[in-house]
Amino acid sequence: GSVKTYKRLKKEFPENSIKRRDCIKS
C-alpha cells in the first residue's frame, strides 16, 4: 500500500533519505 507514495516522494524530495527496506520490523 505504499509503493506509489515511495516513488512519488523519491521523485519530489530527492534531498531526503527515502528508502525501501526488506523489513523495517513493524
mmCIF file of all heavy atoms, coordinates in Angstrom:
data_MODEL
# 
_entry.id   MODEL 
# 
loop_
_atom_site.group_PDB 
_atom_site.id 
_atom_site.type_symbol 
_atom_site.label_atom_id 
_atom_site.label_alt_id 
_atom_site.label_comp_id 
_atom_site.label_asym_id 
_atom_site.label_entity_id 
_atom_site.label_seq_id 
_atom_site.pdbx_PDB_ins_code 
_atom_site.Cartn_x 
_atom_site.Cartn_y 
_atom_site.Cartn_z 
_atom_site.occupancy 
_atom_site.B_iso_or_equiv 
_atom_site.pdbx_formal_charge 
_atom_site.auth_seq_id 
_atom_site.auth_comp_id 
_atom_site.auth_asym_id 
_atom_site.auth_atom_id 
_atom_site.pdbx_PDB_model_num 
ATOM 1   N N   . GLY A 1 1  ? 0.780  -1.227 0.000   1.00 0.00 ? 1  GLY A N   1 
ATOM 2   C CA  . GLY A 1 1  ? 0.000  0.000  0.000   1.00 0.00 ? 1  GLY A CA  1 
ATOM 3   C C   . GLY A 1 1  ? 0.811  1.275  0.000   1.00 0.00 ? 1  GLY A C   1 
ATOM 4   O O   . GLY A 1 1  ? 0.247  2.360  0.075   1.00 0.00 ? 1  GLY A O   1 
ATOM 5   N N   . SER A 1 2  ? 2.136  1.179  -0.104  1.00 0.00 ? 2  SER A N   1 
ATOM 6   C CA  . SER A 1 2  ? 2.954  2.389  -0.047  1.00 0.00 ? 2  SER A CA  1 
ATOM 7   C C   . SER A 1 2  ? 3.882  2.564  -1.252  1.00 0.00 ? 2  SER A C   1 
ATOM 8   O O   . SER A 1 2  ? 4.684  3.494  -1.276  1.00 0.00 ? 2  SER A O   1 
ATOM 9   C CB  . SER A 1 2  ? 3.785  2.391  1.238   1.00 0.00 ? 2  SER A CB  1 
ATOM 10  O OG  . SER A 1 2  ? 4.690  1.306  1.241   1.00 0.00 ? 2  SER A OG  1 
ATOM 11  N N   . VAL A 1 3  ? 3.764  1.730  -2.255  1.00 0.00 ? 3  VAL A N   1 
ATOM 12  C CA  . VAL A 1 3  ? 4.680  1.767  -3.397  1.00 0.00 ? 3  VAL A CA  1 
ATOM 13  C C   . VAL A 1 3  ? 4.613  3.104  -4.141  1.00 0.00 ? 3  VAL A C   1 
ATOM 14  O O   . VAL A 1 3  ? 5.636  3.727  -4.423  1.00 0.00 ? 3  VAL A O   1 
ATOM 15  C CB  . VAL A 1 3  ? 4.405  0.585  -4.359  1.00 0.00 ? 3  VAL A CB  1 
ATOM 16  C CG1 . VAL A 1 3  ? 5.269  0.684  -5.602  1.00 0.00 ? 3  VAL A CG1 1 
ATOM 17  C CG2 . VAL A 1 3  ? 4.635  -0.732 -3.649  1.00 0.00 ? 3  VAL A CG2 1 
ATOM 18  N N   . LYS A 1 4  ? 3.414  3.552  -4.463  1.00 0.00 ? 4  LYS A N   1 
ATOM 19  C CA  . LYS A 1 4  ? 3.264  4.815  -5.204  1.00 0.00 ? 4  LYS A CA  1 
ATOM 20  C C   . LYS A 1 4  ? 3.737  6.002  -4.374  1.00 0.00 ? 4  LYS A C   1 
ATOM 21  O O   . LYS A 1 4  ? 4.350  6.926  -4.895  1.00 0.00 ? 4  LYS A O   1 
ATOM 22  C CB  . LYS A 1 4  ? 1.811  5.016  -5.626  1.00 0.00 ? 4  LYS A CB  1 
ATOM 23  C CG  . LYS A 1 4  ? 1.358  4.049  -6.687  1.00 0.00 ? 4  LYS A CG  1 
ATOM 24  C CD  . LYS A 1 4  ? -0.103 4.268  -7.033  1.00 0.00 ? 4  LYS A CD  1 
ATOM 25  C CE  . LYS A 1 4  ? -0.599 3.195  -7.981  1.00 0.00 ? 4  LYS A CE  1 
ATOM 26  N NZ  . LYS A 1 4  ? -2.039 3.315  -8.214  1.00 0.00 ? 4  LYS A NZ  1 
ATOM 27  N N   . THR A 1 5  ? 3.454  5.962  -3.067  1.00 0.00 ? 5  THR A N   1 
ATOM 28  C CA  . THR A 1 5  ? 3.890  7.045  -2.181  1.00 0.00 ? 5  THR A CA  1 
ATOM 29  C C   . THR A 1 5  ? 5.415  7.118  -2.150  1.00 0.00 ? 5  THR A C   1 
ATOM 30  O O   . THR A 1 5  ? 5.995  8.194  -2.243  1.00 0.00 ? 5  THR A O   1 
ATOM 31  C CB  . THR A 1 5  ? 3.345  6.834  -0.758  1.00 0.00 ? 5  THR A CB  1 
ATOM 32  O OG1 . THR A 1 5  ? 1.921  6.774  -0.822  1.00 0.00 ? 5  THR A OG1 1 
ATOM 33  C CG2 . THR A 1 5  ? 3.765  7.962  0.164   1.00 0.00 ? 5  THR A CG2 1 
ATOM 34  N N   . TYR A 1 6  ? 6.058  5.956  -2.040  1.00 0.00 ? 6  TYR A N   1 
ATOM 35  C CA  . TYR A 1 6  ? 7.516  5.903  -2.043  1.00 0.00 ? 6  TYR A CA  1 
ATOM 36  C C   . TYR A 1 6  ? 8.082  6.529  -3.316  1.00 0.00 ? 6  TYR A C   1 
ATOM 37  O O   . TYR A 1 6  ? 8.949  7.401  -3.260  1.00 0.00 ? 6  TYR A O   1 
ATOM 38  C CB  . TYR A 1 6  ? 7.996  4.457  -1.906  1.00 0.00 ? 6  TYR A CB  1 
ATOM 39  C CG  . TYR A 1 6  ? 9.448  4.275  -2.267  1.00 0.00 ? 6  TYR A CG  1 
ATOM 40  C CD1 . TYR A 1 6  ? 10.451 4.678  -1.401  1.00 0.00 ? 6  TYR A CD1 1 
ATOM 41  C CD2 . TYR A 1 6  ? 9.819  3.741  -3.495  1.00 0.00 ? 6  TYR A CD2 1 
ATOM 42  C CE1 . TYR A 1 6  ? 11.783 4.534  -1.744  1.00 0.00 ? 6  TYR A CE1 1 
ATOM 43  C CE2 . TYR A 1 6  ? 11.143 3.594  -3.845  1.00 0.00 ? 6  TYR A CE2 1 
ATOM 44  C CZ  . TYR A 1 6  ? 12.124 3.989  -2.965  1.00 0.00 ? 6  TYR A CZ  1 
ATOM 45  O OH  . TYR A 1 6  ? 13.441 3.862  -3.312  1.00 0.00 ? 6  TYR A OH  1 
ATOM 46  N N   . LYS A 1 7  ? 7.579  6.105  -4.471  1.00 0.00 ? 7  LYS A N   1 
ATOM 47  C CA  . LYS A 1 7  ? 8.087  6.614  -5.741  1.00 0.00 ? 7  LYS A CA  1 
ATOM 48  C C   . LYS A 1 7  ? 7.848  8.114  -5.885  1.00 0.00 ? 7  LYS A C   1 
ATOM 49  O O   . LYS A 1 7  ? 8.722  8.843  -6.358  1.00 0.00 ? 7  LYS A O   1 
ATOM 50  C CB  . LYS A 1 7  ? 7.434  5.864  -6.905  1.00 0.00 ? 7  LYS A CB  1 
ATOM 51  C CG  . LYS A 1 7  ? 7.908  4.435  -7.021  1.00 0.00 ? 7  LYS A CG  1 
ATOM 52  C CD  . LYS A 1 7  ? 7.222  3.708  -8.152  1.00 0.00 ? 7  LYS A CD  1 
ATOM 53  C CE  . LYS A 1 7  ? 7.686  2.272  -8.241  1.00 0.00 ? 7  LYS A CE  1 
ATOM 54  N NZ  . LYS A 1 7  ? 7.008  1.542  -9.328  1.00 0.00 ? 7  LYS A NZ  1 
ATOM 55  N N   . ARG A 1 8  ? 6.685  8.564  -5.464  1.00 0.00 ? 8  ARG A N   1 
ATOM 56  C CA  . ARG A 1 8  ? 6.343  9.993  -5.562  1.00 0.00 ? 8  ARG A CA  1 
ATOM 57  C C   . ARG A 1 8  ? 7.256  10.848 -4.673  1.00 0.00 ? 8  ARG A C   1 
ATOM 58  O O   . ARG A 1 8  ? 7.778  11.874 -5.105  1.00 0.00 ? 8  ARG A O   1 
ATOM 59  C CB  . ARG A 1 8  ? 4.879  10.172 -5.162  1.00 0.00 ? 8  ARG A CB  1 
ATOM 60  C CG  . ARG A 1 8  ? 4.333  11.544 -5.366  1.00 0.00 ? 8  ARG A CG  1 
ATOM 61  C CD  . ARG A 1 8  ? 2.846  11.517 -5.096  1.00 0.00 ? 8  ARG A CD  1 
ATOM 62  N NE  . ARG A 1 8  ? 2.289  12.862 -5.108  1.00 0.00 ? 8  ARG A NE  1 
ATOM 63  C CZ  . ARG A 1 8  ? 1.054  13.150 -4.767  1.00 0.00 ? 8  ARG A CZ  1 
ATOM 64  N NH1 . ARG A 1 8  ? 0.231  12.186 -4.395  1.00 0.00 ? 8  ARG A NH1 1 
ATOM 65  N NH2 . ARG A 1 8  ? 0.624  14.392 -4.794  1.00 0.00 ? 8  ARG A NH2 1 
ATOM 66  N N   . LEU A 1 9  ? 7.455  10.417 -3.441  1.00 0.00 ? 9  LEU A N   1 
ATOM 67  C CA  . LEU A 1 9  ? 8.331  11.162 -2.524  1.00 0.00 ? 9  LEU A CA  1 
ATOM 68  C C   . LEU A 1 9  ? 9.773  11.154 -3.014  1.00 0.00 ? 9  LEU A C   1 
ATOM 69  O O   . LEU A 1 9  ? 10.464 12.174 -2.936  1.00 0.00 ? 9  LEU A O   1 
ATOM 70  C CB  . LEU A 1 9  ? 8.252  10.569 -1.118  1.00 0.00 ? 9  LEU A CB  1 
ATOM 71  C CG  . LEU A 1 9  ? 6.955  10.806 -0.364  1.00 0.00 ? 9  LEU A CG  1 
ATOM 72  C CD1 . LEU A 1 9  ? 6.913  9.931  0.879   1.00 0.00 ? 9  LEU A CD1 1 
ATOM 73  C CD2 . LEU A 1 9  ? 6.808  12.272 0.010   1.00 0.00 ? 9  LEU A CD2 1 
ATOM 74  N N   . LYS A 1 10 ? 10.230 10.019 -3.494  1.00 0.00 ? 10 LYS A N   1 
ATOM 75  C CA  . LYS A 1 10 ? 11.605 9.889  -4.000  1.00 0.00 ? 10 LYS A CA  1 
ATOM 76  C C   . LYS A 1 10 ? 11.848 10.870 -5.146  1.00 0.00 ? 10 LYS A C   1 
ATOM 77  O O   . LYS A 1 10 ? 12.904 11.500 -5.215  1.00 0.00 ? 10 LYS A O   1 
ATOM 78  C CB  . LYS A 1 10 ? 11.820 8.442  -4.461  1.00 0.00 ? 10 LYS A CB  1 
ATOM 79  C CG  . LYS A 1 10 ? 13.221 8.088  -4.730  1.00 0.00 ? 10 LYS A CG  1 
ATOM 80  C CD  . LYS A 1 10 ? 13.913 7.687  -3.462  1.00 0.00 ? 10 LYS A CD  1 
ATOM 81  C CE  . LYS A 1 10 ? 15.240 7.079  -3.824  1.00 0.00 ? 10 LYS A CE  1 
ATOM 82  N NZ  . LYS A 1 10 ? 16.242 7.278  -2.834  1.00 0.00 ? 10 LYS A NZ  1 
ATOM 83  N N   . LYS A 1 11 ? 10.851 11.034 -6.015  1.00 0.00 ? 11 LYS A N   1 
ATOM 84  C CA  . LYS A 1 11 ? 10.962 11.933 -7.158  1.00 0.00 ? 11 LYS A CA  1 
ATOM 85  C C   . LYS A 1 11 ? 10.872 13.401 -6.733  1.00 0.00 ? 11 LYS A C   1 
ATOM 86  O O   . LYS A 1 11 ? 11.655 14.231 -7.195  1.00 0.00 ? 11 LYS A O   1 
ATOM 87  C CB  . LYS A 1 11 ? 9.851  11.614 -8.159  1.00 0.00 ? 11 LYS A CB  1 
ATOM 88  C CG  . LYS A 1 11 ? 9.876  12.452 -9.402  1.00 0.00 ? 11 LYS A CG  1 
ATOM 89  C CD  . LYS A 1 11 ? 8.754  12.047 -10.349 1.00 0.00 ? 11 LYS A CD  1 
ATOM 90  C CE  . LYS A 1 11 ? 8.742  12.940 -11.577 1.00 0.00 ? 11 LYS A CE  1 
ATOM 91  N NZ  . LYS A 1 11 ? 7.645  12.594 -12.485 1.00 0.00 ? 11 LYS A NZ  1 
ATOM 92  N N   . GLU A 1 12 ? 9.943  13.725 -5.829  1.00 0.00 ? 12 GLU A N   1 
ATOM 93  C CA  . GLU A 1 12 ? 9.696  15.115 -5.444  1.00 0.00 ? 12 GLU A CA  1 
ATOM 94  C C   . GLU A 1 12 ? 10.665 15.646 -4.387  1.00 0.00 ? 12 GLU A C   1 
ATOM 95  O O   . GLU A 1 12 ? 10.872 16.853 -4.297  1.00 0.00 ? 12 GLU A O   1 
ATOM 96  C CB  . GLU A 1 12 ? 8.261  15.266 -4.938  1.00 0.00 ? 12 GLU A CB  1 
ATOM 97  C CG  . GLU A 1 12 ? 7.232  15.050 -6.036  1.00 0.00 ? 12 GLU A CG  1 
ATOM 98  C CD  . GLU A 1 12 ? 5.802  15.128 -5.531  1.00 0.00 ? 12 GLU A CD  1 
ATOM 99  O OE1 . GLU A 1 12 ? 5.576  15.572 -4.387  1.00 0.00 ? 12 GLU A OE1 1 
ATOM 100 O OE2 . GLU A 1 12 ? 4.905  14.728 -6.296  1.00 0.00 ? 12 GLU A OE2 1 
ATOM 101 N N   . PHE A 1 13 ? 11.239 14.763 -3.585  1.00 0.00 ? 13 PHE A N   1 
ATOM 102 C CA  . PHE A 1 13 ? 12.128 15.195 -2.496  1.00 0.00 ? 13 PHE A CA  1 
ATOM 103 C C   . PHE A 1 13 ? 13.433 14.400 -2.495  1.00 0.00 ? 13 PHE A C   1 
ATOM 104 O O   . PHE A 1 13 ? 13.744 13.681 -1.533  1.00 0.00 ? 13 PHE A O   1 
ATOM 105 C CB  . PHE A 1 13 ? 11.415 15.042 -1.148  1.00 0.00 ? 13 PHE A CB  1 
ATOM 106 C CG  . PHE A 1 13 ? 10.161 15.847 -1.035  1.00 0.00 ? 13 PHE A CG  1 
ATOM 107 C CD1 . PHE A 1 13 ? 8.927  15.263 -1.309  1.00 0.00 ? 13 PHE A CD1 1 
ATOM 108 C CD2 . PHE A 1 13 ? 10.203 17.178 -0.687  1.00 0.00 ? 13 PHE A CD2 1 
ATOM 109 C CE1 . PHE A 1 13 ? 7.755  15.995 -1.229  1.00 0.00 ? 13 PHE A CE1 1 
ATOM 110 C CE2 . PHE A 1 13 ? 9.036  17.926 -0.601  1.00 0.00 ? 13 PHE A CE2 1 
ATOM 111 C CZ  . PHE A 1 13 ? 7.810  17.334 -0.873  1.00 0.00 ? 13 PHE A CZ  1 
ATOM 112 N N   . PRO A 1 14 ? 14.219 14.494 -3.564  1.00 0.00 ? 14 PRO A N   1 
ATOM 113 C CA  . PRO A 1 14 ? 15.451 13.694 -3.657  1.00 0.00 ? 14 PRO A CA  1 
ATOM 114 C C   . PRO A 1 14 ? 16.496 14.035 -2.591  1.00 0.00 ? 14 PRO A C   1 
ATOM 115 O O   . PRO A 1 14 ? 17.398 13.238 -2.333  1.00 0.00 ? 14 PRO A O   1 
ATOM 116 C CB  . PRO A 1 14 ? 15.969 14.009 -5.063  1.00 0.00 ? 14 PRO A CB  1 
ATOM 117 C CG  . PRO A 1 14 ? 15.384 15.336 -5.395  1.00 0.00 ? 14 PRO A CG  1 
ATOM 118 C CD  . PRO A 1 14 ? 14.048 15.388 -4.709  1.00 0.00 ? 14 PRO A CD  1 
ATOM 119 N N   . GLU A 1 15 ? 16.364 15.186 -1.958  1.00 0.00 ? 15 GLU A N   1 
ATOM 120 C CA  . GLU A 1 15 ? 17.332 15.587 -0.946  1.00 0.00 ? 15 GLU A CA  1 
ATOM 121 C C   . GLU A 1 15 ? 17.149 14.848 0.383   1.00 0.00 ? 15 GLU A C   1 
ATOM 122 O O   . GLU A 1 15 ? 18.020 14.881 1.246   1.00 0.00 ? 15 GLU A O   1 
ATOM 123 C CB  . GLU A 1 15 ? 17.262 17.105 -0.697  1.00 0.00 ? 15 GLU A CB  1 
ATOM 124 C CG  . GLU A 1 15 ? 15.986 17.600 -0.046  1.00 0.00 ? 15 GLU A CG  1 
ATOM 125 C CD  . GLU A 1 15 ? 14.789 17.779 -0.978  1.00 0.00 ? 15 GLU A CD  1 
ATOM 126 O OE1 . GLU A 1 15 ? 14.882 17.507 -2.186  1.00 0.00 ? 15 GLU A OE1 1 
ATOM 127 O OE2 . GLU A 1 15 ? 13.742 18.186 -0.477  1.00 0.00 ? 15 GLU A OE2 1 
ATOM 128 N N   . ASN A 1 16 ? 16.014 14.174 0.549   1.00 0.00 ? 16 ASN A N   1 
ATOM 129 C CA  . ASN A 1 16 ? 15.748 13.420 1.774   1.00 0.00 ? 16 ASN A CA  1 
ATOM 130 C C   . ASN A 1 16 ? 16.206 11.975 1.624   1.00 0.00 ? 16 ASN A C   1 
ATOM 131 O O   . ASN A 1 16 ? 16.309 11.446 0.521   1.00 0.00 ? 16 ASN A O   1 
ATOM 132 C CB  . ASN A 1 16 ? 14.247 13.451 2.096   1.00 0.00 ? 16 ASN A CB  1 
ATOM 133 C CG  . ASN A 1 16 ? 13.816 14.812 2.570   1.00 0.00 ? 16 ASN A CG  1 
ATOM 134 O OD1 . ASN A 1 16 ? 14.186 15.243 3.644   1.00 0.00 ? 16 ASN A OD1 1 
ATOM 135 N ND2 . ASN A 1 16 ? 13.038 15.502 1.755   1.00 0.00 ? 16 ASN A ND2 1 
ATOM 136 N N   . SER A 1 17 ? 16.449 11.336 2.749   1.00 0.00 ? 17 SER A N   1 
ATOM 137 C CA  . SER A 1 17 ? 16.847 9.933  2.768   1.00 0.00 ? 17 SER A CA  1 
ATOM 138 C C   . SER A 1 17 ? 15.582 9.068  2.766   1.00 0.00 ? 17 SER A C   1 
ATOM 139 O O   . SER A 1 17 ? 15.010 8.775  3.815   1.00 0.00 ? 17 SER A O   1 
ATOM 140 C CB  . SER A 1 17 ? 17.691 9.650  4.008   1.00 0.00 ? 17 SER A CB  1 
ATOM 141 O OG  . SER A 1 17 ? 18.015 8.287  4.077   1.00 0.00 ? 17 SER A OG  1 
ATOM 142 N N   . ILE A 1 18 ? 15.136 8.683  1.569   1.00 0.00 ? 18 ILE A N   1 
ATOM 143 C CA  . ILE A 1 18 ? 13.910 7.908  1.401   1.00 0.00 ? 18 ILE A CA  1 
ATOM 144 C C   . ILE A 1 18 ? 14.295 6.560  0.806   1.00 0.00 ? 18 ILE A C   1 
ATOM 145 O O   . ILE A 1 18 ? 14.802 6.501  -0.305  1.00 0.00 ? 18 ILE A O   1 
ATOM 146 C CB  . ILE A 1 18 ? 12.917 8.648  0.480   1.00 0.00 ? 18 ILE A CB  1 
ATOM 147 C CG1 . ILE A 1 18 ? 12.621 10.042 1.039   1.00 0.00 ? 18 ILE A CG1 1 
ATOM 148 C CG2 . ILE A 1 18 ? 11.648 7.830  0.299   1.00 0.00 ? 18 ILE A CG2 1 
ATOM 149 C CD1 . ILE A 1 18 ? 11.869 10.946 0.098   1.00 0.00 ? 18 ILE A CD1 1 
ATOM 150 N N   . LYS A 1 19 ? 14.045 5.495  1.572   1.00 0.00 ? 19 LYS A N   1 
ATOM 151 C CA  . LYS A 1 19 ? 14.491 4.172  1.128   1.00 0.00 ? 19 LYS A CA  1 
ATOM 152 C C   . LYS A 1 19 ? 13.449 3.111  1.416   1.00 0.00 ? 19 LYS A C   1 
ATOM 153 O O   . LYS A 1 19 ? 12.657 3.236  2.334   1.00 0.00 ? 19 LYS A O   1 
ATOM 154 C CB  . LYS A 1 19 ? 15.793 3.797  1.834   1.00 0.00 ? 19 LYS A CB  1 
ATOM 155 C CG  . LYS A 1 19 ? 16.920 4.735  1.492   1.00 0.00 ? 19 LYS A CG  1 
ATOM 156 C CD  . LYS A 1 19 ? 18.190 4.336  2.146   1.00 0.00 ? 19 LYS A CD  1 
ATOM 157 C CE  . LYS A 1 19 ? 19.279 5.342  1.761   1.00 0.00 ? 19 LYS A CE  1 
ATOM 158 N NZ  . LYS A 1 19 ? 20.526 5.064  2.398   1.00 0.00 ? 19 LYS A NZ  1 
ATOM 159 N N   . ARG A 1 20 ? 13.494 2.062  0.590   1.00 0.00 ? 20 ARG A N   1 
ATOM 160 C CA  . ARG A 1 20 ? 12.683 0.861  0.818   1.00 0.00 ? 20 ARG A CA  1 
ATOM 161 C C   . ARG A 1 20 ? 13.621 -0.204 1.375   1.00 0.00 ? 20 ARG A C   1 
ATOM 162 O O   . ARG A 1 20 ? 14.685 -0.444 0.838   1.00 0.00 ? 20 ARG A O   1 
ATOM 163 C CB  . ARG A 1 20 ? 12.047 0.373  -0.475  1.00 0.00 ? 20 ARG A CB  1 
ATOM 164 C CG  . ARG A 1 20 ? 10.904 1.244  -0.917  1.00 0.00 ? 20 ARG A CG  1 
ATOM 165 C CD  . ARG A 1 20 ? 10.282 0.750  -2.191  1.00 0.00 ? 20 ARG A CD  1 
ATOM 166 N NE  . ARG A 1 20 ? 9.747  -0.594 -2.070  1.00 0.00 ? 20 ARG A NE  1 
ATOM 167 C CZ  . ARG A 1 20 ? 8.455  -0.881 -1.884  1.00 0.00 ? 20 ARG A CZ  1 
ATOM 168 N NH1 . ARG A 1 20 ? 7.598  0.088  -1.823  1.00 0.00 ? 20 ARG A NH1 1 
ATOM 169 N NH2 . ARG A 1 20 ? 8.051  -2.123 -1.786  1.00 0.00 ? 20 ARG A NH2 1 
ATOM 170 N N   . ARG A 1 21 ? 13.199 -0.834 2.437   1.00 0.00 ? 21 ARG A N   1 
ATOM 171 C CA  . ARG A 1 21 ? 13.987 -1.885 3.076   1.00 0.00 ? 21 ARG A CA  1 
ATOM 172 C C   . ARG A 1 21 ? 13.235 -3.208 2.991   1.00 0.00 ? 21 ARG A C   1 
ATOM 173 O O   . ARG A 1 21 ? 12.014 -3.227 2.873   1.00 0.00 ? 21 ARG A O   1 
ATOM 174 C CB  . ARG A 1 21 ? 14.229 -1.552 4.556   1.00 0.00 ? 21 ARG A CB  1 
ATOM 175 C CG  . ARG A 1 21 ? 15.005 -0.280 4.753   1.00 0.00 ? 21 ARG A CG  1 
ATOM 176 C CD  . ARG A 1 21 ? 16.433 -0.526 4.436   1.00 0.00 ? 21 ARG A CD  1 
ATOM 177 N NE  . ARG A 1 21 ? 17.211 0.670  4.739   1.00 0.00 ? 21 ARG A NE  1 
ATOM 178 C CZ  . ARG A 1 21 ? 18.312 0.982  4.131   1.00 0.00 ? 21 ARG A CZ  1 
ATOM 179 N NH1 . ARG A 1 21 ? 18.799 0.207  3.194   1.00 0.00 ? 21 ARG A NH1 1 
ATOM 180 N NH2 . ARG A 1 21 ? 18.973 2.061  4.434   1.00 0.00 ? 21 ARG A NH2 1 
ATOM 181 N N   . ASP A 1 22 ? 13.979 -4.293 3.091   1.00 0.00 ? 22 ASP A N   1 
ATOM 182 C CA  . ASP A 1 22 ? 13.356 -5.607 3.080   1.00 0.00 ? 22 ASP A CA  1 
ATOM 183 C C   . ASP A 1 22 ? 12.372 -5.739 4.237   1.00 0.00 ? 22 ASP A C   1 
ATOM 184 O O   . ASP A 1 22 ? 11.277 -6.251 4.081   1.00 0.00 ? 22 ASP A O   1 
ATOM 185 C CB  . ASP A 1 22 ? 14.418 -6.701 3.151   1.00 0.00 ? 22 ASP A CB  1 
ATOM 186 C CG  . ASP A 1 22 ? 13.804 -8.081 3.071   1.00 0.00 ? 22 ASP A CG  1 
ATOM 187 O OD1 . ASP A 1 22 ? 12.952 -8.299 2.181   1.00 0.00 ? 22 ASP A OD1 1 
ATOM 188 O OD2 . ASP A 1 22 ? 14.157 -8.931 3.895   1.00 0.00 ? 22 ASP A OD2 1 
ATOM 189 N N   . CYS A 1 23 ? 12.738 -5.246 5.398   1.00 0.00 ? 23 CYS A N   1 
ATOM 190 C CA  . CYS A 1 23 ? 11.862 -5.286 6.569   1.00 0.00 ? 23 CYS A CA  1 
ATOM 191 C C   . CYS A 1 23 ? 12.233 -4.128 7.490   1.00 0.00 ? 23 CYS A C   1 
ATOM 192 O O   . CYS A 1 23 ? 13.421 -3.877 7.715   1.00 0.00 ? 23 CYS A O   1 
ATOM 193 C CB  . CYS A 1 23 ? 12.008 -6.606 7.311   1.00 0.00 ? 23 CYS A CB  1 
ATOM 194 S SG  . CYS A 1 23 ? 10.922 -6.734 8.750   1.00 0.00 ? 23 CYS A SG  1 
ATOM 195 N N   . ILE A 1 24 ? 11.240 -3.435 8.013   1.00 0.00 ? 24 ILE A N   1 
ATOM 196 C CA  . ILE A 1 24 ? 11.518 -2.348 8.958   1.00 0.00 ? 24 ILE A CA  1 
ATOM 197 C C   . ILE A 1 24 ? 11.006 -2.693 10.352  1.00 0.00 ? 24 ILE A C   1 
ATOM 198 O O   . ILE A 1 24 ? 10.831 -1.838 11.192  1.00 0.00 ? 24 ILE A O   1 
ATOM 199 C CB  . ILE A 1 24 ? 10.967 -0.985 8.467   1.00 0.00 ? 24 ILE A CB  1 
ATOM 200 C CG1 . ILE A 1 24 ? 9.482  -1.063 8.154   1.00 0.00 ? 24 ILE A CG1 1 
ATOM 201 C CG2 . ILE A 1 24 ? 11.755 -0.506 7.262   1.00 0.00 ? 24 ILE A CG2 1 
ATOM 202 C CD1 . ILE A 1 24 ? 8.879  0.276  7.742   1.00 0.00 ? 24 ILE A CD1 1 
ATOM 203 N N   . LYS A 1 25 ? 10.743 -4.003 10.554  1.00 0.00 ? 25 LYS A N   1 
ATOM 204 C CA  . LYS A 1 25 ? 10.385 -4.561 11.858  1.00 0.00 ? 25 LYS A CA  1 
ATOM 205 C C   . LYS A 1 25 ? 9.138  -3.934 12.481  1.00 0.00 ? 25 LYS A C   1 
ATOM 206 O O   . LYS A 1 25 ? 9.100  -3.642 13.666  1.00 0.00 ? 25 LYS A O   1 
ATOM 207 C CB  . LYS A 1 25 ? 11.577 -4.480 12.804  1.00 0.00 ? 25 LYS A CB  1 
ATOM 208 C CG  . LYS A 1 25 ? 12.759 -5.289 12.299  1.00 0.00 ? 25 LYS A CG  1 
ATOM 209 C CD  . LYS A 1 25 ? 13.921 -5.210 13.228  1.00 0.00 ? 25 LYS A CD  1 
ATOM 210 C CE  . LYS A 1 25 ? 15.133 -5.972 12.819  1.00 0.00 ? 25 LYS A CE  1 
ATOM 211 N NZ  . LYS A 1 25 ? 15.396 -6.391 11.543  1.00 0.00 ? 25 LYS A NZ  1 
ATOM 212 N N   . SER A 1 26 ? 8.133  -3.710 11.655  1.00 0.00 ? 26 SER A N   1 
ATOM 213 C CA  . SER A 1 26 ? 6.831  -3.221 12.120  1.00 0.00 ? 26 SER A CA  1 
ATOM 214 C C   . SER A 1 26 ? 5.739  -4.019 11.408  1.00 0.00 ? 26 SER A C   1 
ATOM 215 O O   . SER A 1 26 ? 4.873  -3.461 10.742  1.00 0.00 ? 26 SER A O   1 
ATOM 216 C CB  . SER A 1 26 ? 6.693  -1.729 11.828  1.00 0.00 ? 26 SER A CB  1 
ATOM 217 O OG  . SER A 1 26 ? 7.607  -0.985 12.579  1.00 0.00 ? 26 SER A OG  1 
# 
